[in-house]
Amino acid sequence: MARFEGKVAVVTGAGAVGKACALAIAREGGRVVVADIDGSAAIACTAQVAAEAGHALALAMDIADARSAARDCGAALRWCRPAGGATCI
């Protein structure tokens, strides 16, 4: 089943729940942007997603900081563009 084929999901948080969500979405054919204030955690999560299931982008982003979020969302949207933009958050 490929429920997320051609879609891009932005997952906030690279901990246990965020990683599980990112892996589930990628296993269903989606591309995943993992945003976490801890850049190392985001990188580790996306490395696992890429190795096991598909495409992933890590962002070290503080979603509580509007400027940080706006700047980093621009990077995510550029990465998402080939798939038609982010489709679920």
N, C-alpha and C. Protein backbone atom coordinates (compact mmCIF):
# COMPACT_ATOMS: atom_id res chain seq x y z
N MET A 1 0.84 -1.18 0.00
CA MET A 1 0.00 0.00 0.00
C MET A 1 0.89 1.24 0.00
N ALA A 2 0.50 2.27 -0.74
CA ALA A 2 1.30 3.49 -0.84
C ALA A 2 0.39 4.70 -0.63
N ARG A 3 -0.17 4.83 0.54
CA ARG A 3 -1.11 5.92 0.82
C ARG A 3 -0.49 7.29 0.70
N PHE A 4 0.83 7.40 0.89
CA PHE A 4 1.48 8.70 0.85
C PHE A 4 2.33 8.91 -0.40
N GLU A 5 2.17 8.06 -1.39
CA GLU A 5 2.92 8.19 -2.64
C GLU A 5 2.68 9.57 -3.24
N GLY A 6 3.78 10.28 -3.57
CA GLY A 6 3.68 11.60 -4.16
C GLY A 6 3.37 12.71 -3.16
N LYS A 7 3.39 12.41 -1.88
CA LYS A 7 3.08 13.41 -0.85
C LYS A 7 4.32 13.67 0.01
N VAL A 8 4.32 14.83 0.65
CA VAL A 8 5.39 15.20 1.56
C VAL A 8 4.78 15.55 2.90
N ALA A 9 5.31 14.97 3.96
CA ALA A 9 4.83 15.24 5.31
C ALA A 9 5.93 15.94 6.10
N VAL A 10 5.53 16.93 6.88
CA VAL A 10 6.45 17.58 7.81
C VAL A 10 6.13 17.03 9.19
N VAL A 11 7.11 16.39 9.80
CA VAL A 11 6.95 15.80 11.13
C VAL A 11 7.77 16.65 12.10
N THR A 12 7.12 17.17 13.12
CA THR A 12 7.82 17.96 14.12
C THR A 12 8.18 17.05 15.29
N GLY A 13 9.46 16.91 15.51
CA GLY A 13 9.96 16.06 16.58
C GLY A 13 10.60 14.81 16.02
N ALA A 14 11.79 14.50 16.49
CA ALA A 14 12.53 13.33 16.02
C ALA A 14 12.65 12.26 17.10
N GLY A 15 11.89 12.42 18.18
CA GLY A 15 11.90 11.42 19.24
C GLY A 15 11.15 10.17 18.82
N ALA A 16 10.78 9.36 19.77
CA ALA A 16 10.15 8.08 19.48
C ALA A 16 8.89 8.21 18.64
N VAL A 17 8.00 9.12 19.01
CA VAL A 17 6.74 9.26 18.28
C VAL A 17 6.99 9.86 16.90
N GLY A 18 7.80 10.92 16.83
CA GLY A 18 8.10 11.53 15.54
C GLY A 18 8.79 10.55 14.59
N LYS A 19 9.75 9.78 15.12
CA LYS A 19 10.44 8.80 14.30
C LYS A 19 9.47 7.74 13.79
N ALA A 20 8.58 7.27 14.66
CA ALA A 20 7.60 6.26 14.24
C ALA A 20 6.70 6.81 13.14
N CYS A 21 6.27 8.06 13.29
CA CYS A 21 5.42 8.68 12.26
C CYS A 21 6.18 8.83 10.96
N ALA A 22 7.42 9.32 11.03
CA ALA A 22 8.23 9.51 9.83
C ALA A 22 8.45 8.19 9.10
N LEU A 23 8.78 7.14 9.84
CA LEU A 23 8.99 5.83 9.22
C LEU A 23 7.71 5.30 8.59
N ALA A 24 6.60 5.45 9.28
CA ALA A 24 5.33 4.95 8.75
C ALA A 24 4.96 5.66 7.45
N ILE A 25 5.14 6.98 7.42
CA ILE A 25 4.82 7.75 6.22
C ILE A 25 5.74 7.36 5.07
N ALA A 26 7.04 7.24 5.36
CA ALA A 26 8.00 6.87 4.31
C ALA A 26 7.73 5.45 3.80
N ARG A 27 7.36 4.54 4.68
CA ARG A 27 7.06 3.17 4.25
C ARG A 27 5.82 3.11 3.35
N GLU A 28 4.99 4.14 3.46
CA GLU A 28 3.79 4.23 2.62
C GLU A 28 4.05 5.07 1.38
N GLY A 29 5.33 5.34 1.08
CA GLY A 29 5.70 6.02 -0.16
C GLY A 29 5.90 7.51 -0.08
N GLY A 30 5.74 8.11 1.10
CA GLY A 30 5.88 9.56 1.23
C GLY A 30 7.31 10.02 1.46
N ARG A 31 7.54 11.28 1.16
CA ARG A 31 8.80 11.94 1.50
C ARG A 31 8.56 12.63 2.84
N VAL A 32 9.59 12.70 3.68
CA VAL A 32 9.40 13.20 5.04
C VAL A 32 10.42 14.29 5.36
N VAL A 33 9.92 15.39 5.92
CA VAL A 33 10.77 16.42 6.50
C VAL A 33 10.65 16.27 8.02
N VAL A 34 11.78 16.03 8.68
CA VAL A 34 11.78 15.90 10.14
C VAL A 34 12.40 17.15 10.73
N ALA A 35 11.61 17.90 11.49
CA ALA A 35 12.07 19.14 12.12
C ALA A 35 12.16 18.94 13.62
N ASP A 36 13.31 19.27 14.19
CA ASP A 36 13.50 19.14 15.63
C ASP A 36 14.48 20.21 16.08
N ILE A 37 14.31 20.70 17.27
CA ILE A 37 15.23 21.70 17.81
C ILE A 37 16.64 21.10 17.97
N ASP A 38 16.70 19.79 18.14
CA ASP A 38 17.96 19.07 18.26
C ASP A 38 18.33 18.55 16.87
N GLY A 39 19.22 19.27 16.21
CA GLY A 39 19.61 18.90 14.86
C GLY A 39 20.18 17.50 14.75
N SER A 40 20.93 17.07 15.76
CA SER A 40 21.51 15.72 15.74
C SER A 40 20.42 14.66 15.74
N ALA A 41 19.37 14.90 16.51
CA ALA A 41 18.26 13.95 16.55
C ALA A 41 17.53 13.91 15.21
N ALA A 42 17.35 15.07 14.59
CA ALA A 42 16.69 15.12 13.28
C ALA A 42 17.52 14.36 12.24
N ILE A 43 18.83 14.55 12.28
CA ILE A 43 19.71 13.86 11.33
C ILE A 43 19.67 12.35 11.55
N ALA A 44 19.73 11.92 12.80
CA ALA A 44 19.68 10.48 13.09
C ALA A 44 18.36 9.88 12.62
N CYS A 45 17.29 10.59 12.86
CA CYS A 45 15.97 10.10 12.44
C CYS A 45 15.89 9.98 10.92
N THR A 46 16.31 11.01 10.22
CA THR A 46 16.21 10.97 8.75
C THR A 46 17.17 9.95 8.16
N ALA A 47 18.30 9.72 8.80
CA ALA A 47 19.22 8.68 8.32
C ALA A 47 18.54 7.32 8.39
N GLN A 48 17.82 7.07 9.48
CA GLN A 48 17.11 5.81 9.63
C GLN A 48 15.98 5.71 8.60
N VAL A 49 15.24 6.78 8.42
CA VAL A 49 14.15 6.78 7.44
C VAL A 49 14.71 6.52 6.05
N ALA A 50 15.78 7.21 5.68
CA ALA A 50 16.36 7.04 4.35
C ALA A 50 16.88 5.61 4.14
N ALA A 51 17.50 5.06 5.16
CA ALA A 51 18.04 3.71 5.06
C ALA A 51 16.95 2.65 4.96
N GLU A 52 15.87 2.85 5.67
CA GLU A 52 14.82 1.83 5.74
C GLU A 52 13.69 2.02 4.76
N ALA A 53 13.39 3.27 4.42
CA ALA A 53 12.12 3.45 3.74
C ALA A 53 12.07 4.45 2.60
N GLY A 54 12.92 5.44 2.57
CA GLY A 54 12.76 6.41 1.49
C GLY A 54 13.44 7.73 1.72
N HIS A 55 12.86 8.78 1.17
CA HIS A 55 13.44 10.12 1.17
C HIS A 55 13.10 10.86 2.46
N ALA A 56 14.12 11.54 3.01
CA ALA A 56 13.89 12.31 4.23
C ALA A 56 14.86 13.49 4.28
N LEU A 57 14.40 14.58 4.86
CA LEU A 57 15.20 15.79 5.05
C LEU A 57 15.17 16.16 6.51
N ALA A 58 16.34 16.43 7.09
CA ALA A 58 16.43 16.85 8.50
C ALA A 58 16.53 18.37 8.57
N LEU A 59 15.80 18.95 9.52
CA LEU A 59 15.90 20.38 9.79
C LEU A 59 16.07 20.59 11.29
N ALA A 60 17.09 21.35 11.66
CA ALA A 60 17.24 21.77 13.05
C ALA A 60 16.42 23.05 13.16
N MET A 61 15.24 22.95 13.76
CA MET A 61 14.33 24.08 13.78
C MET A 61 13.60 24.15 15.10
N ASP A 62 13.53 25.36 15.62
CA ASP A 62 12.75 25.63 16.82
C ASP A 62 11.39 26.14 16.35
N ILE A 63 10.38 25.27 16.36
CA ILE A 63 9.09 25.68 15.83
C ILE A 63 8.40 26.73 16.68
N ALA A 64 8.91 26.96 17.90
CA ALA A 64 8.34 28.00 18.75
C ALA A 64 8.90 29.39 18.40
N ASP A 65 9.95 29.43 17.60
CA ASP A 65 10.58 30.68 17.17
C ASP A 65 10.12 30.98 15.74
N ALA A 66 9.26 31.96 15.57
CA ALA A 66 8.66 32.26 14.27
C ALA A 66 9.69 32.53 13.18
N ARG A 67 10.75 33.26 13.51
CA ARG A 67 11.78 33.56 12.51
C ARG A 67 12.51 32.30 12.07
N SER A 68 12.87 31.48 13.04
CA SER A 68 13.54 30.22 12.73
C SER A 68 12.65 29.34 11.87
N ALA A 69 11.40 29.23 12.26
CA ALA A 69 10.47 28.38 11.53
C ALA A 69 10.27 28.89 10.10
N ALA A 70 10.12 30.19 9.93
CA ALA A 70 9.92 30.77 8.60
C ALA A 70 11.14 30.51 7.70
N ARG A 71 12.33 30.73 8.25
CA ARG A 71 13.56 30.52 7.47
C ARG A 71 13.70 29.06 7.06
N ASP A 72 13.51 28.17 8.02
CA ASP A 72 13.73 26.76 7.75
C ASP A 72 12.61 26.13 6.93
N CYS A 73 11.43 26.67 7.04
CA CYS A 73 10.33 26.16 6.20
C CYS A 73 10.62 26.45 4.73
N GLY A 74 11.31 27.53 4.46
CA GLY A 74 11.70 27.83 3.08
C GLY A 74 12.58 26.72 2.51
N ALA A 75 13.53 26.24 3.30
CA ALA A 75 14.39 25.14 2.86
C ALA A 75 13.56 23.88 2.63
N ALA A 76 12.64 23.63 3.52
CA ALA A 76 11.79 22.43 3.38
C ALA A 76 10.94 22.53 2.12
N LEU A 77 10.38 23.70 1.86
CA LEU A 77 9.53 23.85 0.68
C LEU A 77 10.32 23.70 -0.62
N ARG A 78 11.56 24.17 -0.64
CA ARG A 78 12.40 23.98 -1.83
C ARG A 78 12.64 22.49 -2.06
N TRP A 79 12.86 21.74 -0.97
CA TRP A 79 13.09 20.30 -1.08
C TRP A 79 11.81 19.59 -1.51
N CYS A 80 10.67 20.09 -1.08
CA CYS A 80 9.37 19.48 -1.39
C CYS A 80 8.91 19.76 -2.80
N ARG A 81 9.40 20.81 -3.41
CA ARG A 81 8.88 21.27 -4.70
C ARG A 81 8.77 20.17 -5.74
N PRO A 82 9.76 19.27 -5.90
CA PRO A 82 9.62 18.22 -6.93
C PRO A 82 8.41 17.33 -6.68
N ALA A 83 7.97 17.22 -5.43
CA ALA A 83 6.82 16.37 -5.12
C ALA A 83 5.52 17.18 -5.08
N GLY A 84 5.59 18.47 -5.40
CA GLY A 84 4.38 19.30 -5.42
C GLY A 84 4.13 20.08 -4.16
N GLY A 85 5.10 20.14 -3.26
CA GLY A 85 4.94 20.88 -2.01
C GLY A 85 4.54 20.00 -0.86
N ALA A 86 4.59 20.55 0.33
CA ALA A 86 4.21 19.78 1.52
C ALA A 86 2.71 19.55 1.48
N THR A 87 2.30 18.33 1.75
CA THR A 87 0.90 17.98 1.66
C THR A 87 0.28 17.66 3.01
N CYS A 88 1.08 17.38 4.03
CA CYS A 88 0.53 17.17 5.37
C CYS A 88 1.56 17.55 6.41
N ILE A 89 1.07 18.11 7.50
CA ILE A 89 1.94 18.57 8.58
C ILE A 89 1.45 17.96 9.87
